[in-house]
């Protein structure tokens, strides 16, 4: 395969010598089980998803750019995705789908840049950098950059779309050391899957210019979730739906939220307006400790359906509302411990 600049001029399914899609797909199909396909440096325009095969490694050399006008650039085998590595690519205009309703297994996505996804479509799934509809087991997503994933103008409301990572179920999977810049939501993870979930680690990620929520986690079919040492700041057009972190796996056990830093936006110009919570938490016996939540959040830390939550040794500061730490439901969850936190107007 030669390195070249490819001009996209035709739609998916129509052959054109200048288009790279079929040539790269042929290389994928020719890669043996257990083998590695290395795509040389160059810019390749892709007009429909490249269908990856399981039990193979796909590597982009430095300077390898795959570019599309919309849709996923890589799609893994439907309900049969396993033992795949995707590394070293710049994916421009589209991302990666782990295709199917069954969980993918042993997938590594590392060292990629996924950027410039602006596709206007009723199919919201293609507006994500990585989309995991059936769940992921034994996976690793690390050291990737998600940049400029925003569909349409950014208004101070729920209308703007575009996400870094969206996953429906994770098990024995880590999402670490990723960077997010100018995205609507960094990651949205829902533990509503049919399979058991444990040993999920989300740590050391960082982001700026996020419109809605850097990390949003929902549903409670999980035990032992760790969200640690993530840092987010400089929010983009913040509004009432902008939260620092929303970790609300209702019913999950063994959740640990520790060492995270959220530097919130300044107060809104309209005194009637307000942002969401700096850190929203739930779960059974969730431990919330050593987090730093700064800014004009409402409140700094809010505890939802969190019986037995332990909220200790955190810093909540920067505004009257932002220094508050309390439950927000009626009736309040039972046996919540809030102690030894620093709650001040002026951040130390």
C-alpha atoms as a PDB file:
ATOM      1  CA  UNK A   1       0.000   0.000   0.000  1.00  0.00           C
ATOM      2  CA  UNK A   2       1.460   3.368  -0.928  1.00  0.00           C
ATOM      3  CA  UNK A   3       1.201   6.539   1.128  1.00  0.00           C
ATOM      4  CA  UNK A   4      -0.771   9.238  -0.636  1.00  0.00           C
ATOM      5  CA  UNK A   5      -3.313  12.007  -0.376  1.00  0.00           C
ATOM      6  CA  UNK A   6      -6.671  10.620  -1.459  1.00  0.00           C
ATOM      7  CA  UNK A   7      -9.572  12.733  -2.755  1.00  0.00           C
ATOM      8  CA  UNK A   8     -13.035  11.643  -1.600  1.00  0.00           C
ATOM      9  CA  UNK A   9     -15.527  12.119  -4.437  1.00  0.00           C
ATOM     10  CA  UNK A  10     -17.950   9.191  -4.340  1.00  0.00           C
ATOM     11  CA  UNK A  11     -20.402   7.577  -1.946  1.00  0.00           C
ATOM     12  CA  UNK A  12     -19.982   4.306  -0.097  1.00  0.00           C
ATOM     13  CA  UNK A  13     -20.392   1.286  -2.349  1.00  0.00           C
ATOM     14  CA  UNK A  14     -19.214   3.021  -5.541  1.00  0.00           C
ATOM     15  CA  UNK A  15     -15.755   2.020  -6.691  1.00  0.00           C
ATOM     16  CA  UNK A  16     -13.249   4.741  -7.511  1.00  0.00           C
ATOM     17  CA  UNK A  17      -9.529   4.307  -7.972  1.00  0.00           C
ATOM     18  CA  UNK A  18      -8.745   7.487  -6.085  1.00  0.00           C
ATOM     19  CA  UNK A  19     -10.670   6.348  -3.017  1.00  0.00           C
ATOM     20  CA  UNK A  20      -8.735   4.424  -0.359  1.00  0.00           C
ATOM     21  CA  UNK A  21     -11.644   2.490   1.155  1.00  0.00           C
ATOM     22  CA  UNK A  22     -11.516  -0.643  -0.965  1.00  0.00           C
ATOM     23  CA  UNK A  23      -7.716  -0.800  -1.030  1.00  0.00           C
ATOM     24  CA  UNK A  24      -7.493  -0.677   2.744  1.00  0.00           C
ATOM     25  CA  UNK A  25     -10.386  -3.118   3.113  1.00  0.00           C
ATOM     26  CA  UNK A  26      -8.568  -5.540   0.828  1.00  0.00           C
ATOM     27  CA  UNK A  27      -5.503  -5.280   3.066  1.00  0.00           C
ATOM     28  CA  UNK A  28      -7.659  -5.943   6.129  1.00  0.00           C
ATOM     29  CA  UNK A  29      -9.210  -8.995   4.505  1.00  0.00           C
ATOM     30  CA  UNK A  30      -5.766 -10.315   3.542  1.00  0.00           C
ATOM     31  CA  UNK A  31      -4.309  -9.994   7.058  1.00  0.00           C
ATOM     32  CA  UNK A  32      -4.083 -13.463   8.620  1.00  0.00           C
ATOM     33  CA  UNK A  33      -5.531 -14.376  11.989  1.00  0.00           C
ATOM     34  CA  UNK A  34      -3.151 -13.188  14.688  1.00  0.00           C
ATOM     35  CA  UNK A  35      -1.448 -10.830  12.233  1.00  0.00           C
ATOM     36  CA  UNK A  36      -0.771  -7.109  12.181  1.00  0.00           C
ATOM     37  CA  UNK A  37      -1.731  -4.624   9.482  1.00  0.00           C
ATOM     38  CA  UNK A  38       0.425  -1.489   9.429  1.00  0.00           C
ATOM     39  CA  UNK A  39      -0.939   1.415   7.402  1.00  0.00           C
ATOM     40  CA  UNK A  40       1.819   3.794   6.239  1.00  0.00           C
ATOM     41  CA  UNK A  41       1.829   7.507   6.887  1.00  0.00           C
ATOM     42  CA  UNK A  42      -0.431   9.514   4.622  1.00  0.00           C
ATOM     43  CA  UNK A  43      -3.954  10.877   4.378  1.00  0.00           C
ATOM     44  CA  UNK A  44      -6.602   8.415   3.182  1.00  0.00           C
ATOM     45  CA  UNK A  45     -10.191   9.405   2.484  1.00  0.00           C
ATOM     46  CA  UNK A  46     -12.695   6.750   3.527  1.00  0.00           C
ATOM     47  CA  UNK A  47     -16.231   6.745   2.144  1.00  0.00           C
ATOM     48  CA  UNK A  48     -17.714   3.921   4.254  1.00  0.00           C
ATOM     49  CA  UNK A  49     -16.747   2.039   7.393  1.00  0.00           C
ATOM     50  CA  UNK A  50     -13.733  -0.231   7.230  1.00  0.00           C
ATOM     51  CA  UNK A  51     -14.807  -3.657   8.499  1.00  0.00           C
ATOM     52  CA  UNK A  52     -12.169  -4.921  10.883  1.00  0.00           C
ATOM     53  CA  UNK A  53     -11.613  -8.617  11.562  1.00  0.00           C
ATOM     54  CA  UNK A  54     -11.143 -10.081  15.022  1.00  0.00           C
ATOM     55  CA  UNK A  55      -7.858 -11.517  16.306  1.00  0.00           C
ATOM     56  CA  UNK A  56      -5.782  -8.925  14.475  1.00  0.00           C
ATOM     57  CA  UNK A  57      -3.844  -5.733  15.214  1.00  0.00           C
ATOM     58  CA  UNK A  58      -4.287  -2.518  13.236  1.00  0.00           C
ATOM     59  CA  UNK A  59      -1.467   0.005  13.520  1.00  0.00           C
ATOM     60  CA  UNK A  60      -1.100   3.445  11.990  1.00  0.00           C
ATOM     61  CA  UNK A  61       2.407   4.739  11.483  1.00  0.00           C
ATOM     62  CA  UNK A  62       3.075   8.298  12.688  1.00  0.00           C
ATOM     63  CA  UNK A  63       1.212  10.602  10.317  1.00  0.00           C
ATOM     64  CA  UNK A  64      -1.467   8.096   9.273  1.00  0.00           C
ATOM     65  CA  UNK A  65      -4.760   9.950   8.841  1.00  0.00           C
ATOM     66  CA  UNK A  66      -8.033   8.255   7.883  1.00  0.00           C
ATOM     67  CA  UNK A  67     -10.634  10.838   6.948  1.00  0.00           C
ATOM     68  CA  UNK A  68     -14.359  10.703   6.267  1.00  0.00           C
ATOM     69  CA  UNK A  69     -17.265  13.062   5.785  1.00  0.00           C
ATOM     70  CA  UNK A  70     -19.457  11.135   8.196  1.00  0.00           C
ATOM     71  CA  UNK A  71     -20.026   7.742   9.800  1.00  0.00           C
ATOM     72  CA  UNK A  72     -17.678   5.402  11.620  1.00  0.00           C
ATOM     73  CA  UNK A  73     -14.256   4.884  10.085  1.00  0.00           C
ATOM     74  CA  UNK A  74     -13.681   1.549  11.836  1.00  0.00           C
ATOM     75  CA  UNK A  75     -16.402  -0.997  12.661  1.00  0.00           C
ATOM     76  CA  UNK A  76     -15.633  -4.306  14.360  1.00  0.00           C
ATOM     77  CA  UNK A  77     -17.420  -7.591  13.514  1.00  0.00           C
ATOM     78  CA  UNK A  78     -21.090  -7.635  14.500  1.00  0.00           C
ATOM     79  CA  UNK A  79     -21.504  -9.645  17.727  1.00  0.00           C
ATOM     80  CA  UNK A  80     -18.069 -11.207  17.210  1.00  0.00           C
ATOM     81  CA  UNK A  81     -15.543  -8.566  18.223  1.00  0.00           C
ATOM     82  CA  UNK A  82     -12.538  -9.899  20.117  1.00  0.00           C
ATOM     83  CA  UNK A  83      -8.754  -9.637  20.324  1.00  0.00           C
ATOM     84  CA  UNK A  84      -8.413  -6.407  18.348  1.00  0.00           C
ATOM     85  CA  UNK A  85      -5.877  -3.620  18.756  1.00  0.00           C
ATOM     86  CA  UNK A  86      -6.361  -0.207  17.137  1.00  0.00           C
ATOM     87  CA  UNK A  87      -3.387   2.077  17.649  1.00  0.00           C
ATOM     88  CA  UNK A  88      -1.607   5.069  16.181  1.00  0.00           C
ATOM     89  CA  UNK A  89      -4.284   6.525  13.900  1.00  0.00           C
ATOM     90  CA  UNK A  90      -5.711   9.971  13.444  1.00  0.00           C
ATOM     91  CA  UNK A  91      -9.387   9.436  12.661  1.00  0.00           C
ATOM     92  CA  UNK A  92     -10.837  12.612  11.185  1.00  0.00           C
ATOM     93  CA  UNK A  93     -14.597  13.046  10.813  1.00  0.00           C
ATOM     94  CA  UNK A  94     -15.593   9.653  12.243  1.00  0.00           C
ATOM     95  CA  UNK A  95     -14.761   7.236  15.017  1.00  0.00           C
ATOM     96  CA  UNK A  96     -14.893   3.583  16.033  1.00  0.00           C
ATOM     97  CA  UNK A  97     -17.885   1.292  16.579  1.00  0.00           C
ATOM     98  CA  UNK A  98     -17.602  -1.997  18.470  1.00  0.00           C
ATOM     99  CA  UNK A  99     -20.550  -3.316  16.543  1.00  0.00           C
ATOM    100  CA  UNK A 100     -23.403  -5.464  17.810  1.00  0.00           C
ATOM    101  CA  UNK A 101     -25.562  -6.190  20.811  1.00  0.00           C
ATOM    102  CA  UNK A 102     -23.150  -8.708  22.385  1.00  0.00           C
ATOM    103  CA  UNK A 103     -20.119  -7.558  24.397  1.00  0.00           C
ATOM    104  CA  UNK A 104     -16.800  -7.145  22.649  1.00  0.00           C
ATOM    105  CA  UNK A 105     -13.871  -8.858  24.390  1.00  0.00           C
ATOM    106  CA  UNK A 106     -10.179  -8.062  24.704  1.00  0.00           C
ATOM    107  CA  UNK A 107     -10.221  -4.845  22.673  1.00  0.00           C
ATOM    108  CA  UNK A 108      -7.382  -2.326  22.995  1.00  0.00           C
ATOM    109  CA  UNK A 109      -7.763   1.198  21.621  1.00  0.00           C
ATOM    110  CA  UNK A 110      -4.641   3.184  22.383  1.00  0.00           C
ATOM    111  CA  UNK A 111      -2.667   6.152  21.134  1.00  0.00           C
ATOM    112  CA  UNK A 112      -5.212   7.447  18.615  1.00  0.00           C
ATOM    113  CA  UNK A 113      -6.539  10.919  17.882  1.00  0.00           C
ATOM    114  CA  UNK A 114     -10.248  11.054  17.063  1.00  0.00           C
ATOM    115  CA  UNK A 115     -11.285  14.479  15.868  1.00  0.00           C
ATOM    116  CA  UNK A 116     -13.580  16.786  13.917  1.00  0.00           C
ATOM    117  CA  UNK A 117     -16.821  14.839  14.140  1.00  0.00           C
ATOM    118  CA  UNK A 118     -19.588  17.228  13.076  1.00  0.00           C
ATOM    119  CA  UNK A 119     -21.989  14.921  11.227  1.00  0.00           C
ATOM    120  CA  UNK A 120     -25.568  16.173  11.253  1.00  0.00           C
ATOM    121  CA  UNK A 121     -27.729  13.030  11.325  1.00  0.00           C
ATOM    122  CA  UNK A 122     -30.727  11.435  12.995  1.00  0.00           C
ATOM    123  CA  UNK A 123     -28.323   8.571  13.742  1.00  0.00           C
ATOM    124  CA  UNK A 124     -26.789   9.981  16.919  1.00  0.00           C
ATOM    125  CA  UNK A 125     -24.473   6.985  17.331  1.00  0.00           C
ATOM    126  CA  UNK A 126     -22.101   8.245  14.624  1.00  0.00           C
ATOM    127  CA  UNK A 127     -21.657  11.470  16.594  1.00  0.00           C
ATOM    128  CA  UNK A 128     -19.352   9.643  19.042  1.00  0.00           C
ATOM    129  CA  UNK A 129     -15.626   9.019  18.957  1.00  0.00           C
ATOM    130  CA  UNK A 130     -15.967   5.462  20.305  1.00  0.00           C
ATOM    131  CA  UNK A 131     -19.381   3.787  20.428  1.00  0.00           C
ATOM    132  CA  UNK A 132     -19.865   0.545  22.382  1.00  0.00           C
ATOM    133  CA  UNK A 133     -23.509  -0.542  22.113  1.00  0.00           C
ATOM    134  CA  UNK A 134     -23.188  -4.116  23.401  1.00  0.00           C
ATOM    135  CA  UNK A 135     -20.603  -3.608  26.114  1.00  0.00           C
ATOM    136  CA  UNK A 136     -16.900  -4.357  26.475  1.00  0.00           C
ATOM    137  CA  UNK A 137     -15.087  -6.970  28.569  1.00  0.00           C
ATOM    138  CA  UNK A 138     -11.362  -7.052  29.302  1.00  0.00           C
ATOM    139  CA  UNK A 139     -10.843  -3.861  27.355  1.00  0.00           C
ATOM    140  CA  UNK A 140      -8.361  -1.027  27.443  1.00  0.00           C
ATOM    141  CA  UNK A 141      -8.959   2.485  26.129  1.00  0.00           C
ATOM    142  CA  UNK A 142      -6.007   4.700  26.918  1.00  0.00           C
ATOM    143  CA  UNK A 143      -3.804   7.559  25.737  1.00  0.00           C
ATOM    144  CA  UNK A 144      -6.279   8.671  23.084  1.00  0.00           C
ATOM    145  CA  UNK A 145      -7.223  12.266  22.265  1.00  0.00           C
ATOM    146  CA  UNK A 146     -10.799  13.286  21.479  1.00  0.00           C
ATOM    147  CA  UNK A 147     -10.849  16.715  19.865  1.00  0.00           C
ATOM    148  CA  UNK A 148     -13.578  18.898  18.389  1.00  0.00           C
ATOM    149  CA  UNK A 149     -16.517  16.477  18.543  1.00  0.00           C
ATOM    150  CA  UNK A 150     -19.412  18.904  18.411  1.00  0.00           C
ATOM    151  CA  UNK A 151     -22.422  18.800  16.099  1.00  0.00           C
ATOM    152  CA  UNK A 152     -23.904  22.210  15.391  1.00  0.00           C
ATOM    153  CA  UNK A 153     -23.671  25.495  17.276  1.00  0.00           C
ATOM    154  CA  UNK A 154     -23.058  25.342  21.005  1.00  0.00           C
ATOM    155  CA  UNK A 155     -26.054  26.760  22.849  1.00  0.00           C
ATOM    156  CA  UNK A 156     -26.542  26.874  26.631  1.00  0.00           C
ATOM    157  CA  UNK A 157     -28.986  23.954  26.541  1.00  0.00           C
ATOM    158  CA  UNK A 158     -29.331  20.248  25.682  1.00  0.00           C
ATOM    159  CA  UNK A 159     -29.514  20.688  21.897  1.00  0.00           C
ATOM    160  CA  UNK A 160     -25.820  20.235  21.057  1.00  0.00           C
ATOM    161  CA  UNK A 161     -24.592  16.671  20.423  1.00  0.00           C
ATOM    162  CA  UNK A 162     -21.239  14.911  20.251  1.00  0.00           C
ATOM    163  CA  UNK A 163     -19.430  12.560  22.635  1.00  0.00           C
ATOM    164  CA  UNK A 164     -15.990  11.080  23.153  1.00  0.00           C
ATOM    165  CA  UNK A 165     -16.844   7.587  24.478  1.00  0.00           C
ATOM    166  CA  UNK A 166     -20.322   6.092  24.832  1.00  0.00           C
ATOM    167  CA  UNK A 167     -20.569   2.590  26.297  1.00  0.00           C
ATOM    168  CA  UNK A 168     -23.427   0.358  27.408  1.00  0.00           C
ATOM    169  CA  UNK A 169     -21.721  -1.941  29.867  1.00  0.00           C
ATOM    170  CA  UNK A 170     -18.090  -2.502  30.847  1.00  0.00           C
ATOM    171  CA  UNK A 171     -16.390  -5.329  32.731  1.00  0.00           C
ATOM    172  CA  UNK A 172     -12.711  -5.633  33.708  1.00  0.00           C
ATOM    173  CA  UNK A 173     -12.018  -2.605  31.552  1.00  0.00           C
ATOM    174  CA  UNK A 174      -9.900   0.506  32.026  1.00  0.00           C
ATOM    175  CA  UNK A 175     -10.349   3.947  30.491  1.00  0.00           C
ATOM    176  CA  UNK A 176      -7.222   5.881  31.408  1.00  0.00           C
ATOM    177  CA  UNK A 177      -4.947   8.736  30.355  1.00  0.00           C
ATOM    178  CA  UNK A 178      -7.251  10.021  27.630  1.00  0.00           C
ATOM    179  CA  UNK A 179      -7.606  13.711  26.742  1.00  0.00           C
ATOM    180  CA  UNK A 180     -10.817  15.479  25.752  1.00  0.00           C
ATOM    181  CA  UNK A 181     -10.988  18.961  24.198  1.00  0.00           C
ATOM    182  CA  UNK A 182     -14.032  20.670  22.708  1.00  0.00           C
ATOM    183  CA  UNK A 183     -16.527  17.848  23.075  1.00  0.00           C
ATOM    184  CA  UNK A 184     -20.109  17.931  24.329  1.00  0.00           C
ATOM    185  CA  UNK A 185     -19.580  15.012  26.710  1.00  0.00           C
ATOM    186  CA  UNK A 186     -16.328  13.249  27.498  1.00  0.00           C
ATOM    187  CA  UNK A 187     -17.715   9.818  28.301  1.00  0.00           C
ATOM    188  CA  UNK A 188     -21.164   8.430  28.955  1.00  0.00           C
ATOM    189  CA  UNK A 189     -21.251   4.965  30.500  1.00  0.00           C
ATOM    190  CA  UNK A 190     -24.416   3.055  31.364  1.00  0.00           C
ATOM    191  CA  UNK A 191     -24.194  -0.109  33.475  1.00  0.00           C
ATOM    192  CA  UNK A 192     -27.487  -1.542  32.236  1.00  0.00           C
ATOM    193  CA  UNK A 193     -25.908  -4.557  30.524  1.00  0.00           C
ATOM    194  CA  UNK A 194     -27.047  -8.157  31.056  1.00  0.00           C
ATOM    195  CA  UNK A 195     -23.599  -9.455  32.111  1.00  0.00           C
ATOM    196  CA  UNK A 196     -21.943  -8.890  35.518  1.00  0.00           C
ATOM    197  CA  UNK A 197     -19.570  -5.959  35.809  1.00  0.00           C
ATOM    198  CA  UNK A 198     -16.597  -5.407  38.094  1.00  0.00           C
ATOM    199  CA  UNK A 199     -13.024  -4.091  38.043  1.00  0.00           C
ATOM    200  CA  UNK A 200     -13.812  -1.023  35.934  1.00  0.00           C
ATOM    201  CA  UNK A 201     -11.269   1.775  36.308  1.00  0.00           C
ATOM    202  CA  UNK A 202     -11.686   5.286  34.943  1.00  0.00           C
ATOM    203  CA  UNK A 203      -8.639   7.279  35.905  1.00  0.00           C
ATOM    204  CA  UNK A 204      -6.124   9.940  34.964  1.00  0.00           C
ATOM    205  CA  UNK A 205      -8.217  11.370  32.158  1.00  0.00           C
ATOM    206  CA  UNK A 206      -8.244  15.117  31.594  1.00  0.00           C
ATOM    207  CA  UNK A 207     -10.246  17.582  29.575  1.00  0.00           C
ATOM    208  CA  UNK A 208     -10.992  21.180  28.677  1.00  0.00           C
ATOM    209  CA  UNK A 209     -13.772  22.938  26.790  1.00  0.00           C
ATOM    210  CA  UNK A 210     -16.410  20.324  27.595  1.00  0.00           C
ATOM    211  CA  UNK A 211     -19.967  21.568  27.192  1.00  0.00           C
ATOM    212  CA  UNK A 212     -22.042  19.195  29.292  1.00  0.00           C
ATOM    213  CA  UNK A 213     -20.405  16.537  31.515  1.00  0.00           C
ATOM    214  CA  UNK A 214     -16.845  15.181  31.343  1.00  0.00           C
ATOM    215  CA  UNK A 215     -17.802  11.805  32.865  1.00  0.00           C
ATOM    216  CA  UNK A 216     -21.406  10.655  33.228  1.00  0.00           C
ATOM    217  CA  UNK A 217     -22.104   7.184  34.648  1.00  0.00           C
ATOM    218  CA  UNK A 218     -25.581   5.728  35.110  1.00  0.00           C
ATOM    219  CA  UNK A 219     -27.352   2.474  36.082  1.00  0.00           C
ATOM    220  CA  UNK A 220     -26.151   0.115  38.762  1.00  0.00           C
ATOM    221  CA  UNK A 221     -25.234  -3.331  37.421  1.00  0.00           C
ATOM    222  CA  UNK A 222     -21.671  -2.963  38.679  1.00  0.00           C
ATOM    223  CA  UNK A 223     -19.495  -3.557  41.684  1.00  0.00           C
ATOM    224  CA  UNK A 224     -16.150  -2.003  42.488  1.00  0.00           C
ATOM    225  CA  UNK A 225     -16.148   0.926  40.066  1.00  0.00           C
ATOM    226  CA  UNK A 226     -13.166   3.268  40.523  1.00  0.00           C
ATOM    227  CA  UNK A 227     -13.199   6.870  39.274  1.00  0.00           C
ATOM    228  CA  UNK A 228      -9.898   8.439  40.277  1.00  0.00           C
ATOM    229  CA  UNK A 229      -7.464  11.247  39.542  1.00  0.00           C
ATOM    230  CA  UNK A 230      -9.337  12.772  36.613  1.00  0.00           C
ATOM    231  CA  UNK A 231      -9.032  16.519  35.962  1.00  0.00           C
ATOM    232  CA  UNK A 232     -11.415  18.809  34.067  1.00  0.00           C
ATOM    233  CA  UNK A 233     -11.580  22.584  33.655  1.00  0.00           C
ATOM    234  CA  UNK A 234     -12.484  25.488  31.348  1.00  0.00           C
ATOM    235  CA  UNK A 235     -16.024  24.393  30.445  1.00  0.00           C
ATOM    236  CA  UNK A 236     -17.529  25.385  27.084  1.00  0.00           C
ATOM    237  CA  UNK A 237     -20.729  27.508  27.188  1.00  0.00           C
ATOM    238  CA  UNK A 238     -21.777  26.061  30.552  1.00  0.00           C
ATOM    239  CA  UNK A 239     -25.459  25.902  31.496  1.00  0.00           C
ATOM    240  CA  UNK A 240     -27.790  24.165  33.969  1.00  0.00           C
ATOM    241  CA  UNK A 241     -26.933  20.756  32.460  1.00  0.00           C
ATOM    242  CA  UNK A 242     -23.182  21.236  32.887  1.00  0.00           C
ATOM    243  CA  UNK A 243     -21.865  19.067  35.727  1.00  0.00           C
ATOM    244  CA  UNK A 244     -18.277  18.546  36.803  1.00  0.00           C
ATOM    245  CA  UNK A 245     -18.735  14.782  37.259  1.00  0.00           C
ATOM    246  CA  UNK A 246     -21.945  12.763  37.445  1.00  0.00           C
ATOM    247  CA  UNK A 247     -21.203   9.337  38.913  1.00  0.00           C
ATOM    248  CA  UNK A 248     -24.665   7.954  39.647  1.00  0.00           C
ATOM    249  CA  UNK A 249     -24.699   4.162  39.208  1.00  0.00           C
ATOM    250  CA  UNK A 250     -27.786   3.740  41.409  1.00  0.00           C
ATOM    251  CA  UNK A 251     -27.566   0.462  43.326  1.00  0.00           C
ATOM    252  CA  UNK A 252     -23.919  -0.254  42.482  1.00  0.00           C
ATOM    253  CA  UNK A 253     -21.693  -1.347  45.352  1.00  0.00           C
ATOM    254  CA  UNK A 254     -18.056  -0.715  46.157  1.00  0.00           C
ATOM    255  CA  UNK A 255     -17.827   2.531  44.186  1.00  0.00           C
ATOM    256  CA  UNK A 256     -14.742   4.655  44.884  1.00  0.00           C
ATOM    257  CA  UNK A 257     -14.538   8.287  43.722  1.00  0.00           C
ATOM    258  CA  UNK A 258     -11.206   9.712  44.755  1.00  0.00           C
ATOM    259  CA  UNK A 259      -8.593  12.298  43.842  1.00  0.00           C
ATOM    260  CA  UNK A 260     -10.574  13.992  41.069  1.00  0.00           C
ATOM    261  CA  UNK A 261     -10.254  17.711  40.316  1.00  0.00           C
ATOM    262  CA  UNK A 262     -12.970  19.864  38.763  1.00  0.00           C
ATOM    263  CA  UNK A 263     -12.282  23.562  38.200  1.00  0.00           C
ATOM    264  CA  UNK A 264     -15.662  25.080  37.452  1.00  0.00           C
ATOM    265  CA  UNK A 265     -16.667  28.087  35.378  1.00  0.00           C
ATOM    266  CA  UNK A 266     -17.209  31.575  36.795  1.00  0.00           C
ATOM    267  CA  UNK A 267     -20.742  32.502  37.849  1.00  0.00           C
ATOM    268  CA  UNK A 268     -23.192  33.011  34.956  1.00  0.00           C
ATOM    269  CA  UNK A 269     -23.893  36.569  33.858  1.00  0.00           C
ATOM    270  CA  UNK A 270     -27.603  36.081  34.498  1.00  0.00           C
ATOM    271  CA  UNK A 271     -28.053  35.894  38.289  1.00  0.00           C
ATOM    272  CA  UNK A 272     -31.141  33.713  37.765  1.00  0.00           C
ATOM    273  CA  UNK A 273     -29.100  31.049  35.961  1.00  0.00           C
ATOM    274  CA  UNK A 274     -26.997  28.351  37.538  1.00  0.00           C
ATOM    275  CA  UNK A 275     -24.896  25.324  36.636  1.00  0.00           C
ATOM    276  CA  UNK A 276     -25.349  21.735  37.749  1.00  0.00           C
ATOM    277  CA  UNK A 277     -23.458  19.896  40.472  1.00  0.00           C
ATOM    278  CA  UNK A 278     -19.703  19.852  40.727  1.00  0.00           C
ATOM    279  CA  UNK A 279     -19.748  16.190  41.748  1.00  0.00           C
ATOM    280  CA  UNK A 280     -22.948  14.148  41.755  1.00  0.00           C
ATOM    281  CA  UNK A 281     -22.736  10.700  43.345  1.00  0.00           C
ATOM    282  CA  UNK A 282     -24.866   7.680  44.174  1.00  0.00           C
ATOM    283  CA  UNK A 283     -24.453   3.965  44.816  1.00  0.00           C
ATOM    284  CA  UNK A 284     -24.554   1.847  47.961  1.00  0.00           C
ATOM    285  CA  UNK A 285     -21.761   2.663  50.377  1.00  0.00           C
ATOM    286  CA  UNK A 286     -19.947   4.840  47.842  1.00  0.00           C
ATOM    287  CA  UNK A 287     -16.686   6.339  49.129  1.00  0.00           C
ATOM    288  CA  UNK A 288     -16.036   9.920  48.032  1.00  0.00           C
ATOM    289  CA  UNK A 289     -12.695  11.197  49.220  1.00  0.00           C
ATOM    290  CA  UNK A 290      -9.860  13.618  48.421  1.00  0.00           C
ATOM    291  CA  UNK A 291     -11.652  15.295  45.515  1.00  0.00           C
ATOM    292  CA  UNK A 292     -11.228  18.995  44.768  1.00  0.00           C
ATOM    293  CA  UNK A 293     -14.368  20.736  43.478  1.00  0.00           C
ATOM    294  CA  UNK A 294     -14.016  24.442  42.710  1.00  0.00           C
ATOM    295  CA  UNK A 295     -16.486  26.929  41.280  1.00  0.00           C
ATOM    296  CA  UNK A 296     -20.078  28.043  41.145  1.00  0.00           C
ATOM    297  CA  UNK A 297     -21.662  24.597  41.262  1.00  0.00           C
ATOM    298  CA  UNK A 298     -25.093  23.846  42.749  1.00  0.00           C
ATOM    299  CA  UNK A 299     -24.035  22.198  45.018  1.00  0.00           C
ATOM    300  CA  UNK A 300     -20.333  21.392  45.094  1.00  0.00           C
ATOM    301  CA  UNK A 301     -21.033  17.752  45.993  1.00  0.00           C
ATOM    302  CA  UNK A 302     -24.526  16.289  45.828  1.00  0.00           C
ATOM    303  CA  UNK A 303     -25.471  12.824  47.108  1.00  0.00           C
ATOM    304  CA  UNK A 304     -28.449  11.195  45.404  1.00  0.00           C
ATOM    305  CA  UNK A 305     -29.637   7.628  45.978  1.00  0.00           C
ATOM    306  CA  UNK A 306     -26.554   6.861  48.042  1.00  0.00           C
ATOM    307  CA  UNK A 307     -27.351   4.939  51.253  1.00  0.00           C
ATOM    308  CA  UNK A 308     -24.257   4.504  53.347  1.00  0.00           C
ATOM    309  CA  UNK A 309     -22.175   6.971  51.325  1.00  0.00           C
ATOM    310  CA  UNK A 310     -18.995   8.211  53.004  1.00  0.00           C
ATOM    311  CA  UNK A 311     -17.987  11.710  51.898  1.00  0.00           C
ATOM    312  CA  UNK A 312     -14.781  12.768  53.578  1.00  0.00           C
ATOM    313  CA  UNK A 313     -11.574  14.794  53.115  1.00  0.00           C
ATOM    314  CA  UNK A 314     -12.811  16.636  50.034  1.00  0.00           C
ATOM    315  CA  UNK A 315     -12.396  20.316  49.152  1.00  0.00           C
ATOM    316  CA  UNK A 316     -15.522  22.175  47.972  1.00  0.00           C
ATOM    317  CA  UNK A 317     -14.940  25.870  47.426  1.00  0.00           C
ATOM    318  CA  UNK A 318     -15.290  28.922  45.241  1.00  0.00           C
ATOM    319  CA  UNK A 319     -18.873  30.079  45.856  1.00  0.00           C
ATOM    320  CA  UNK A 320     -21.610  29.921  48.450  1.00  0.00           C
ATOM    321  CA  UNK A 321     -23.385  27.124  46.589  1.00  0.00           C
ATOM    322  CA  UNK A 322     -20.157  25.496  45.477  1.00  0.00           C
ATOM    323  CA  UNK A 323     -18.907  24.913  49.007  1.00  0.00           C
ATOM    324  CA  UNK A 324     -22.046  22.973  49.926  1.00  0.00           C
ATOM    325  CA  UNK A 325     -22.019  19.193  50.382  1.00  0.00           C
ATOM    326  CA  UNK A 326     -25.385  17.566  50.999  1.00  0.00           C
ATOM    327  CA  UNK A 327     -28.018  15.059  49.925  1.00  0.00           C
ATOM    328  CA  UNK A 328     -30.616  16.355  47.492  1.00  0.00           C
ATOM    329  CA  UNK A 329     -33.455  13.834  47.484  1.00  0.00           C
ATOM    330  CA  UNK A 330     -36.545  13.544  49.686  1.00  0.00           C
ATOM    331  CA  UNK A 331     -36.485  11.333  51.607  1.00  0.00           C
ATOM    332  CA  UNK A 332     -32.730  11.543  52.002  1.00  0.00           C
ATOM    333  CA  UNK A 333     -30.684   8.337  51.720  1.00  0.00           C
ATOM    334  CA  UNK A 334     -29.918   6.693  55.044  1.00  0.00           C
ATOM    335  CA  UNK A 335     -26.633   6.461  56.908  1.00  0.00           C
ATOM    336  CA  UNK A 336     -24.748   9.054  54.856  1.00  0.00           C
ATOM    337  CA  UNK A 337     -21.527  10.263  56.479  1.00  0.00           C
ATOM    338  CA  UNK A 338     -20.264  13.756  55.598  1.00  0.00           C
ATOM    339  CA  UNK A 339     -17.226  14.758  57.642  1.00  0.00           C
ATOM    340  CA  UNK A 340     -13.751  16.306  57.641  1.00  0.00           C
ATOM    341  CA  UNK A 341     -14.274  18.190  54.370  1.00  0.00           C
ATOM    342  CA  UNK A 342     -12.950  21.685  53.628  1.00  0.00           C
ATOM    343  CA  UNK A 343     -15.893  23.889  52.631  1.00  0.00           C
ATOM    344  CA  UNK A 344     -14.880  27.506  52.080  1.00  0.00           C
ATOM    345  CA  UNK A 345     -15.603  30.447  49.773  1.00  0.00           C
ATOM    346  CA  UNK A 346     -11.961  31.130  48.941  1.00  0.00           C
ATOM    347  CA  UNK A 347     -10.246  28.056  47.586  1.00  0.00           C
ATOM    348  CA  UNK A 348      -7.066  27.106  49.455  1.00  0.00           C
END
